[in-house]
Amino acid sequence: MEHIIKTNKSDEMINITDIVENDIREGGIEEGLVTVFVPHTTAGVTINENADPDVVHDILEGLRRAFPEDRGYLHREGNSHAHIKASVIGSSCTVIIEKGRMKLGIWQGIYFCEFDGPRTRKFFVKMY
């Protein structure tokens, strides 16, 4: 399934767990795997804590500090920091489906990660 997502900031993490869970319900998958894939070179997807919003803030702040915007990168578009962040985070994640539900930990959620926004993006969900 293809999903369109609009981001609002230069970098942000948007919880897409409910979207993926809905796809699983609609697909009628009881047992298997679900993969979320982001087809962009300046965005990614990750699994992390969804209980305390400070964790998302801290992840983004850590990435900003590790890969600052202005470091004399050679890429002419000026968004090398976003490409690096996307490479570190990754473009896909896979979760086990059991009894029609994802086997995420109690504090885990799936996040779309924007590093070069705001933009209109897409991500894909595939169950098997």
C-alpha atoms as a PDB file:
ATOM      1  CA  MET A   1       0.000   0.000   0.000  1.00  0.00           C
ATOM      2  CA  GLU A   2       1.204   3.468  -0.810  1.00  0.00           C
ATOM      3  CA  HIS A   3       0.736   6.349   1.616  1.00  0.00           C
ATOM      4  CA  ILE A   4       1.252  10.066   1.122  1.00  0.00           C
ATOM      5  CA  ILE A   5       2.488  12.073   4.093  1.00  0.00           C
ATOM      6  CA  LYS A   6       3.001  15.822   4.388  1.00  0.00           C
ATOM      7  CA  THR A   7       5.807  16.980   6.620  1.00  0.00           C
ATOM      8  CA  ASN A   8       5.805  20.395   8.243  1.00  0.00           C
ATOM      9  CA  LYS A   9       9.368  20.969   9.451  1.00  0.00           C
ATOM     10  CA  SER A  10      12.904  20.669   8.149  1.00  0.00           C
ATOM     11  CA  ASP A  11      13.340  17.623  10.345  1.00  0.00           C
ATOM     12  CA  GLU A  12      10.704  15.725  12.264  1.00  0.00           C
ATOM     13  CA  MET A  13       9.544  12.264  13.232  1.00  0.00           C
ATOM     14  CA  ILE A  14       5.916  11.391  12.551  1.00  0.00           C
ATOM     15  CA  ASN A  15       4.362   8.372  14.263  1.00  0.00           C
ATOM     16  CA  ILE A  16       2.866   6.154  11.526  1.00  0.00           C
ATOM     17  CA  THR A  17       2.176   3.111  13.714  1.00  0.00           C
ATOM     18  CA  ASP A  18      -1.609   3.490  13.453  1.00  0.00           C
ATOM     19  CA  ILE A  19      -1.435   3.692   9.656  1.00  0.00           C
ATOM     20  CA  VAL A  20       0.560   0.446   9.472  1.00  0.00           C
ATOM     21  CA  GLU A  21      -1.768  -1.281  11.962  1.00  0.00           C
ATOM     22  CA  ASN A  22      -4.752  -0.218   9.868  1.00  0.00           C
ATOM     23  CA  ASP A  23      -3.134  -1.654   6.731  1.00  0.00           C
ATOM     24  CA  ILE A  24      -2.654  -4.977   8.537  1.00  0.00           C
ATOM     25  CA  ARG A  25      -6.313  -5.028   9.615  1.00  0.00           C
ATOM     26  CA  GLU A  26      -7.524  -4.138   6.122  1.00  0.00           C
ATOM     27  CA  GLY A  27      -5.214  -6.740   4.585  1.00  0.00           C
ATOM     28  CA  GLY A  28      -6.550  -9.444   6.886  1.00  0.00           C
ATOM     29  CA  ILE A  29      -3.046 -10.674   7.658  1.00  0.00           C
ATOM     30  CA  GLU A  30      -2.971 -12.818  10.814  1.00  0.00           C
ATOM     31  CA  GLU A  31       0.592 -14.169  10.677  1.00  0.00           C
ATOM     32  CA  GLY A  32       3.600 -12.911   8.743  1.00  0.00           C
ATOM     33  CA  LEU A  33       5.734  -9.839   8.327  1.00  0.00           C
ATOM     34  CA  VAL A  34       5.136  -6.203   7.484  1.00  0.00           C
ATOM     35  CA  THR A  35       7.773  -4.008   5.887  1.00  0.00           C
ATOM     36  CA  VAL A  36       7.632  -0.223   5.743  1.00  0.00           C
ATOM     37  CA  PHE A  37       9.798   1.305   3.010  1.00  0.00           C
ATOM     38  CA  VAL A  38      10.605   4.977   2.354  1.00  0.00           C
ATOM     39  CA  PRO A  39      11.687   5.707  -1.264  1.00  0.00           C
ATOM     40  CA  HIS A  40      13.519   8.958  -0.518  1.00  0.00           C
ATOM     41  CA  THR A  41      17.205   9.737   0.015  1.00  0.00           C
ATOM     42  CA  THR A  42      16.579  12.458   2.613  1.00  0.00           C
ATOM     43  CA  ALA A  43      13.932  10.681   4.692  1.00  0.00           C
ATOM     44  CA  GLY A  44      13.783   7.376   6.526  1.00  0.00           C
ATOM     45  CA  VAL A  45      11.858   5.135   8.880  1.00  0.00           C
ATOM     46  CA  THR A  46      12.704   3.818  12.328  1.00  0.00           C
ATOM     47  CA  ILE A  47      11.225   2.034  15.319  1.00  0.00           C
ATOM     48  CA  ASN A  48      11.632   3.759  18.658  1.00  0.00           C
ATOM     49  CA  GLU A  49       9.842   4.829  21.832  1.00  0.00           C
ATOM     50  CA  ASN A  50       6.364   6.255  21.387  1.00  0.00           C
ATOM     51  CA  ALA A  51       5.456   6.943  25.028  1.00  0.00           C
ATOM     52  CA  ASP A  52       7.615   9.972  25.833  1.00  0.00           C
ATOM     53  CA  PRO A  53       7.777  12.716  23.155  1.00  0.00           C
ATOM     54  CA  ASP A  54      11.076  13.869  24.651  1.00  0.00           C
ATOM     55  CA  VAL A  55      12.718  10.812  23.080  1.00  0.00           C
ATOM     56  CA  VAL A  56      11.793  12.003  19.565  1.00  0.00           C
ATOM     57  CA  HIS A  57      13.075  15.476  20.442  1.00  0.00           C
ATOM     58  CA  ASP A  58      16.336  14.011  21.737  1.00  0.00           C
ATOM     59  CA  ILE A  59      16.847  11.791  18.674  1.00  0.00           C
ATOM     60  CA  LEU A  60      16.375  14.739  16.332  1.00  0.00           C
ATOM     61  CA  GLU A  61      18.637  16.942  18.450  1.00  0.00           C
ATOM     62  CA  GLY A  62      21.309  14.236  18.532  1.00  0.00           C
ATOM     63  CA  LEU A  63      21.175  13.879  14.751  1.00  0.00           C
ATOM     64  CA  ARG A  64      21.397  17.679  14.325  1.00  0.00           C
ATOM     65  CA  ARG A  65      24.498  17.779  16.517  1.00  0.00           C
ATOM     66  CA  ALA A  66      26.130  14.779  14.844  1.00  0.00           C
ATOM     67  CA  PHE A  67      25.333  15.958  11.299  1.00  0.00           C
ATOM     68  CA  PRO A  68      24.958  19.761  11.298  1.00  0.00           C
ATOM     69  CA  GLU A  69      23.585  21.574   8.282  1.00  0.00           C
ATOM     70  CA  ASP A  70      26.620  23.721   7.554  1.00  0.00           C
ATOM     71  CA  ARG A  71      29.789  21.624   7.564  1.00  0.00           C
ATOM     72  CA  GLY A  72      31.267  22.514   4.195  1.00  0.00           C
ATOM     73  CA  TYR A  73      29.704  19.567   2.393  1.00  0.00           C
ATOM     74  CA  LEU A  74      30.349  19.421  -1.356  1.00  0.00           C
ATOM     75  CA  HIS A  75      26.827  18.468  -2.500  1.00  0.00           C
ATOM     76  CA  ARG A  76      25.464  21.537  -4.306  1.00  0.00           C
ATOM     77  CA  GLU A  77      21.868  21.193  -3.127  1.00  0.00           C
ATOM     78  CA  GLY A  78      22.981  21.963   0.422  1.00  0.00           C
ATOM     79  CA  ASN A  79      21.201  19.015   1.986  1.00  0.00           C
ATOM     80  CA  SER A  80      24.044  16.555   2.577  1.00  0.00           C
ATOM     81  CA  HIS A  81      23.214  16.545   6.271  1.00  0.00           C
ATOM     82  CA  ALA A  82      19.765  15.164   5.341  1.00  0.00           C
ATOM     83  CA  HIS A  83      21.261  12.445   3.123  1.00  0.00           C
ATOM     84  CA  ILE A  84      23.597  11.386   5.933  1.00  0.00           C
ATOM     85  CA  LYS A  85      20.793  11.281   8.529  1.00  0.00           C
ATOM     86  CA  ALA A  86      18.622   9.212   6.181  1.00  0.00           C
ATOM     87  CA  SER A  87      21.472   6.757   5.618  1.00  0.00           C
ATOM     88  CA  VAL A  88      22.055   6.388   9.359  1.00  0.00           C
ATOM     89  CA  ILE A  89      18.353   5.886  10.153  1.00  0.00           C
ATOM     90  CA  GLY A  90      17.645   3.639   7.151  1.00  0.00           C
ATOM     91  CA  SER A  91      14.915   3.372   4.547  1.00  0.00           C
ATOM     92  CA  SER A  92      12.957   0.366   5.819  1.00  0.00           C
ATOM     93  CA  CYS A  93      11.893  -1.613   8.850  1.00  0.00           C
ATOM     94  CA  THR A  94      10.247  -5.013   9.204  1.00  0.00           C
ATOM     95  CA  VAL A  95       7.988  -6.185  12.037  1.00  0.00           C
ATOM     96  CA  ILE A  96       6.524  -9.607  12.825  1.00  0.00           C
ATOM     97  CA  ILE A  97       2.728  -9.921  12.617  1.00  0.00           C
ATOM     98  CA  GLU A  98       1.150 -12.356  15.068  1.00  0.00           C
ATOM     99  CA  LYS A  99      -2.587 -12.801  15.649  1.00  0.00           C
ATOM    100  CA  GLY A 100      -3.257  -9.841  13.369  1.00  0.00           C
ATOM    101  CA  ARG A 101      -1.069  -7.432  15.363  1.00  0.00           C
ATOM    102  CA  MET A 102       2.475  -6.185  15.109  1.00  0.00           C
ATOM    103  CA  LYS A 103       4.861  -7.665  17.677  1.00  0.00           C
ATOM    104  CA  LEU A 104       6.182  -4.258  18.735  1.00  0.00           C
ATOM    105  CA  GLY A 105       7.426  -3.751  22.270  1.00  0.00           C
ATOM    106  CA  ILE A 106       5.122  -1.953  24.696  1.00  0.00           C
ATOM    107  CA  TRP A 107       6.919   1.378  24.197  1.00  0.00           C
ATOM    108  CA  GLN A 108       7.681   1.028  20.477  1.00  0.00           C
ATOM    109  CA  GLY A 109       6.212   2.853  17.511  1.00  0.00           C
ATOM    110  CA  ILE A 110       7.094   3.256  13.838  1.00  0.00           C
ATOM    111  CA  TYR A 111       8.244   6.720  12.782  1.00  0.00           C
ATOM    112  CA  PHE A 112       8.561   8.377   9.395  1.00  0.00           C
ATOM    113  CA  CYS A 113      11.671  10.557   9.656  1.00  0.00           C
ATOM    114  CA  GLU A 114      11.885  13.757   7.621  1.00  0.00           C
ATOM    115  CA  PHE A 115      15.307  15.382   7.255  1.00  0.00           C
ATOM    116  CA  ASP A 116      14.785  17.812   4.342  1.00  0.00           C
ATOM    117  CA  GLY A 117      11.311  19.221   4.739  1.00  0.00           C
ATOM    118  CA  PRO A 118       8.736  20.381   4.637  1.00  0.00           C
ATOM    119  CA  ARG A 119       7.714  18.156   1.744  1.00  0.00           C
ATOM    120  CA  THR A 120       5.062  15.815   0.463  1.00  0.00           C
ATOM    121  CA  ARG A 121       6.480  12.314   0.821  1.00  0.00           C
ATOM    122  CA  LYS A 122       5.377   8.734   0.408  1.00  0.00           C
ATOM    123  CA  PHE A 123       6.000   5.438   2.094  1.00  0.00           C
ATOM    124  CA  PHE A 124       5.015   1.894   1.236  1.00  0.00           C
ATOM    125  CA  VAL A 125       3.660  -0.882   3.444  1.00  0.00           C
ATOM    126  CA  LYS A 126       3.970  -4.497   2.274  1.00  0.00           C
ATOM    127  CA  MET A 127       2.654  -7.517   4.183  1.00  0.00           C
ATOM    128  CA  TYR A 128       3.617 -11.111   3.467  1.00  0.00           C
END
